[in-house]
């Protein structure tokens, strides 16, 4: 079983891909995937405060459980004014 993690903007540039597949178990949560991504890509600026987390295009929390084929995105905040 796997989930897809989508990358955007600077994330895509630093990872050199727009999507990766991450294996999961029955107890995998969004926070586990975030930890995996941080370990795999230590230069990637990811924290709860700097990204909007979505699962299957719906806003999510770090404690949400995951199922096979879910799509996770850590969308960077956009600022301006």
N, C-alpha and C. Protein backbone atom coordinates (compact mmCIF):
# COMPACT_ATOMS: atom_id res chain seq x y z
N UNK A 1 0.84 -1.17 0.00
CA UNK A 1 0.00 0.00 0.00
C UNK A 1 0.88 1.24 0.00
N UNK A 2 0.47 2.21 -0.77
CA UNK A 2 1.23 3.47 -0.88
C UNK A 2 0.28 4.66 -0.90
N UNK A 3 0.85 5.83 -0.59
CA UNK A 3 0.17 7.10 -0.79
C UNK A 3 1.04 7.93 -1.71
N UNK A 4 0.45 8.91 -2.36
CA UNK A 4 1.20 9.84 -3.22
C UNK A 4 1.38 11.15 -2.48
N UNK A 5 2.58 11.70 -2.57
CA UNK A 5 2.86 13.02 -2.01
C UNK A 5 3.19 13.93 -3.18
N UNK A 6 2.42 15.02 -3.29
CA UNK A 6 2.59 15.98 -4.38
C UNK A 6 3.43 17.16 -3.91
N UNK A 7 4.33 17.63 -4.78
CA UNK A 7 5.17 18.77 -4.47
C UNK A 7 4.83 19.94 -5.38
N UNK A 8 4.96 21.17 -4.83
CA UNK A 8 4.64 22.38 -5.57
C UNK A 8 5.77 23.40 -5.42
N UNK A 9 5.93 24.27 -6.40
CA UNK A 9 6.85 25.39 -6.34
C UNK A 9 8.27 24.99 -5.95
N UNK A 10 8.78 25.62 -4.90
CA UNK A 10 10.13 25.35 -4.42
C UNK A 10 10.30 23.88 -4.03
N UNK A 11 9.26 23.28 -3.48
CA UNK A 11 9.32 21.85 -3.13
C UNK A 11 9.67 21.02 -4.36
N UNK A 12 9.00 21.31 -5.45
CA UNK A 12 9.23 20.58 -6.71
C UNK A 12 10.66 20.78 -7.20
N UNK A 13 11.15 22.00 -7.07
CA UNK A 13 12.51 22.30 -7.51
C UNK A 13 13.54 21.54 -6.66
N UNK A 14 13.36 21.54 -5.34
CA UNK A 14 14.31 20.88 -4.45
C UNK A 14 14.26 19.36 -4.52
N UNK A 15 13.08 18.79 -4.76
CA UNK A 15 12.95 17.33 -4.83
C UNK A 15 13.19 16.80 -6.24
N UNK A 16 13.13 17.72 -7.22
CA UNK A 16 13.29 17.36 -8.64
C UNK A 16 12.23 16.39 -9.13
N UNK A 17 11.07 16.48 -8.53
CA UNK A 17 9.93 15.67 -8.97
C UNK A 17 8.65 16.35 -8.50
N UNK A 18 7.54 15.99 -9.11
CA UNK A 18 6.27 16.57 -8.64
C UNK A 18 5.48 15.61 -7.76
N UNK A 19 5.83 14.33 -7.76
CA UNK A 19 5.12 13.34 -6.95
C UNK A 19 6.05 12.19 -6.56
N UNK A 20 5.90 11.72 -5.33
CA UNK A 20 6.58 10.49 -4.92
C UNK A 20 5.56 9.55 -4.30
N UNK A 21 5.88 8.28 -4.30
CA UNK A 21 5.05 7.26 -3.67
C UNK A 21 5.70 6.89 -2.34
N UNK A 22 4.92 6.84 -1.27
CA UNK A 22 5.43 6.50 0.05
C UNK A 22 4.65 5.30 0.57
N UNK A 23 5.36 4.25 1.03
CA UNK A 23 4.67 3.09 1.58
C UNK A 23 4.01 3.44 2.92
N UNK A 24 2.91 2.76 3.22
CA UNK A 24 2.24 3.01 4.48
C UNK A 24 1.75 1.72 5.10
N UNK A 25 1.51 1.79 6.41
CA UNK A 25 0.91 0.68 7.14
C UNK A 25 -0.52 1.08 7.50
N UNK A 26 -1.21 0.20 8.19
CA UNK A 26 -2.59 0.49 8.59
C UNK A 26 -2.69 1.65 9.57
N UNK A 27 -1.59 1.97 10.26
CA UNK A 27 -1.63 3.01 11.29
C UNK A 27 -0.92 4.30 10.87
N UNK A 28 -0.55 4.42 9.62
CA UNK A 28 0.17 5.61 9.16
C UNK A 28 -0.75 6.83 9.18
N UNK A 29 -0.21 7.93 9.71
CA UNK A 29 -0.94 9.19 9.78
C UNK A 29 -0.20 10.24 8.96
N UNK A 30 -0.85 11.35 8.71
CA UNK A 30 -0.24 12.42 7.91
C UNK A 30 1.07 12.88 8.55
N UNK A 31 1.12 12.98 9.86
CA UNK A 31 2.34 13.39 10.55
C UNK A 31 3.51 12.45 10.27
N UNK A 32 3.22 11.16 10.14
CA UNK A 32 4.27 10.19 9.81
C UNK A 32 4.84 10.45 8.42
N UNK A 33 3.97 10.80 7.49
CA UNK A 33 4.42 11.10 6.13
C UNK A 33 5.25 12.38 6.13
N UNK A 34 4.82 13.39 6.89
CA UNK A 34 5.59 14.63 6.98
C UNK A 34 6.98 14.34 7.53
N UNK A 35 7.08 13.52 8.57
CA UNK A 35 8.38 13.15 9.14
C UNK A 35 9.24 12.43 8.10
N UNK A 36 8.63 11.53 7.34
CA UNK A 36 9.34 10.79 6.29
C UNK A 36 9.91 11.75 5.24
N UNK A 37 9.10 12.71 4.83
CA UNK A 37 9.53 13.68 3.81
C UNK A 37 10.67 14.55 4.37
N UNK A 38 10.56 14.98 5.62
CA UNK A 38 11.62 15.79 6.23
C UNK A 38 12.93 15.02 6.29
N UNK A 39 12.87 13.73 6.60
CA UNK A 39 14.08 12.90 6.65
C UNK A 39 14.65 12.68 5.25
N UNK A 40 13.79 12.46 4.29
CA UNK A 40 14.23 12.18 2.92
C UNK A 40 14.76 13.42 2.21
N UNK A 41 14.22 14.58 2.55
CA UNK A 41 14.59 15.84 1.91
C UNK A 41 14.85 16.89 3.00
N UNK A 42 16.00 16.81 3.68
CA UNK A 42 16.26 17.71 4.82
C UNK A 42 16.31 19.19 4.46
N UNK A 43 16.58 19.54 3.21
CA UNK A 43 16.62 20.94 2.80
C UNK A 43 15.25 21.51 2.46
N UNK A 44 14.25 20.67 2.47
CA UNK A 44 12.90 21.10 2.11
C UNK A 44 12.27 21.85 3.28
N UNK A 45 11.85 23.10 3.08
CA UNK A 45 11.26 23.87 4.18
C UNK A 45 9.81 23.46 4.43
N UNK A 46 9.63 22.50 5.31
CA UNK A 46 8.29 22.02 5.64
C UNK A 46 8.07 22.08 7.15
N UNK A 47 7.04 22.75 7.56
CA UNK A 47 6.59 22.71 8.94
C UNK A 47 5.10 23.01 8.93
N UNK A 48 4.45 22.65 10.01
CA UNK A 48 3.00 22.87 10.10
C UNK A 48 2.65 24.35 9.90
N UNK A 49 3.57 25.23 10.28
CA UNK A 49 3.30 26.67 10.22
C UNK A 49 3.48 27.26 8.83
N UNK A 50 4.15 26.52 7.92
CA UNK A 50 4.46 27.10 6.62
C UNK A 50 3.74 26.43 5.45
N UNK A 51 2.93 25.41 5.74
CA UNK A 51 2.21 24.71 4.67
C UNK A 51 0.76 24.45 5.07
N UNK A 52 -0.07 24.33 4.06
CA UNK A 52 -1.44 23.87 4.22
C UNK A 52 -1.44 22.40 3.85
N UNK A 53 -1.87 21.55 4.75
CA UNK A 53 -1.84 20.10 4.52
C UNK A 53 -3.20 19.66 3.97
N UNK A 54 -3.16 18.94 2.84
CA UNK A 54 -4.39 18.40 2.28
C UNK A 54 -4.24 16.90 2.02
N UNK A 55 -5.35 16.21 2.17
CA UNK A 55 -5.44 14.80 1.79
C UNK A 55 -6.62 14.68 0.85
N UNK A 56 -6.36 14.21 -0.35
CA UNK A 56 -7.40 14.10 -1.37
C UNK A 56 -8.12 15.43 -1.58
N UNK A 57 -7.32 16.52 -1.61
CA UNK A 57 -7.81 17.88 -1.86
C UNK A 57 -8.71 18.45 -0.77
N UNK A 58 -8.64 17.89 0.44
CA UNK A 58 -9.38 18.42 1.59
C UNK A 58 -8.39 18.75 2.69
N UNK A 59 -8.56 19.91 3.33
CA UNK A 59 -7.66 20.31 4.41
C UNK A 59 -7.64 19.22 5.47
N UNK A 60 -6.42 18.94 5.97
CA UNK A 60 -6.23 17.83 6.90
C UNK A 60 -5.38 18.27 8.09
N UNK A 61 -5.37 17.44 9.09
CA UNK A 61 -4.49 17.64 10.25
C UNK A 61 -3.43 16.55 10.24
N UNK A 62 -2.41 16.72 11.07
CA UNK A 62 -1.33 15.75 11.13
C UNK A 62 -1.75 14.40 11.70
N UNK A 63 -2.84 14.38 12.47
CA UNK A 63 -3.25 13.12 13.08
C UNK A 63 -4.26 12.33 12.25
N UNK A 64 -4.58 12.81 11.06
CA UNK A 64 -5.51 12.08 10.20
C UNK A 64 -4.88 10.77 9.71
N UNK A 65 -5.64 9.70 9.81
CA UNK A 65 -5.19 8.41 9.29
C UNK A 65 -5.25 8.39 7.78
N UNK A 66 -4.43 7.51 7.19
CA UNK A 66 -4.34 7.43 5.74
C UNK A 66 -4.74 6.06 5.23
N UNK A 67 -5.20 6.04 3.98
CA UNK A 67 -5.56 4.79 3.30
C UNK A 67 -4.77 4.69 2.00
N UNK A 68 -4.71 3.50 1.47
CA UNK A 68 -4.00 3.27 0.21
C UNK A 68 -4.51 4.22 -0.86
N UNK A 69 -3.59 4.75 -1.64
CA UNK A 69 -3.87 5.62 -2.79
C UNK A 69 -4.32 7.03 -2.42
N UNK A 70 -4.27 7.41 -1.14
CA UNK A 70 -4.55 8.80 -0.78
C UNK A 70 -3.51 9.69 -1.43
N UNK A 71 -3.89 10.94 -1.69
CA UNK A 71 -2.97 11.94 -2.24
C UNK A 71 -2.77 13.05 -1.22
N UNK A 72 -1.52 13.25 -0.83
CA UNK A 72 -1.19 14.23 0.20
C UNK A 72 -0.43 15.37 -0.44
N UNK A 73 -0.76 16.59 -0.02
CA UNK A 73 -0.04 17.77 -0.49
C UNK A 73 0.30 18.64 0.70
N UNK A 74 1.50 19.21 0.68
CA UNK A 74 1.93 20.18 1.67
C UNK A 74 2.07 21.49 0.89
N UNK A 75 0.97 22.22 0.78
CA UNK A 75 0.90 23.39 -0.08
C UNK A 75 1.51 24.61 0.63
N UNK A 76 2.54 25.22 0.00
CA UNK A 76 3.16 26.39 0.61
C UNK A 76 2.16 27.54 0.72
N UNK A 77 2.27 28.31 1.82
CA UNK A 77 1.44 29.50 1.97
C UNK A 77 1.84 30.54 0.92
N UNK A 78 0.85 31.24 0.44
CA UNK A 78 1.09 32.28 -0.56
C UNK A 78 0.81 33.61 0.12
N UNK A 79 1.75 34.53 0.01
CA UNK A 79 1.58 35.83 0.63
C UNK A 79 1.63 36.92 -0.41
N UNK A 80 1.24 38.07 -0.01
CA UNK A 80 1.28 39.19 -0.93
C UNK A 80 0.44 40.32 -0.38
N UNK A 81 0.33 41.32 -1.18
CA UNK A 81 -0.49 42.39 -0.66
C UNK A 81 -0.49 43.58 -1.46
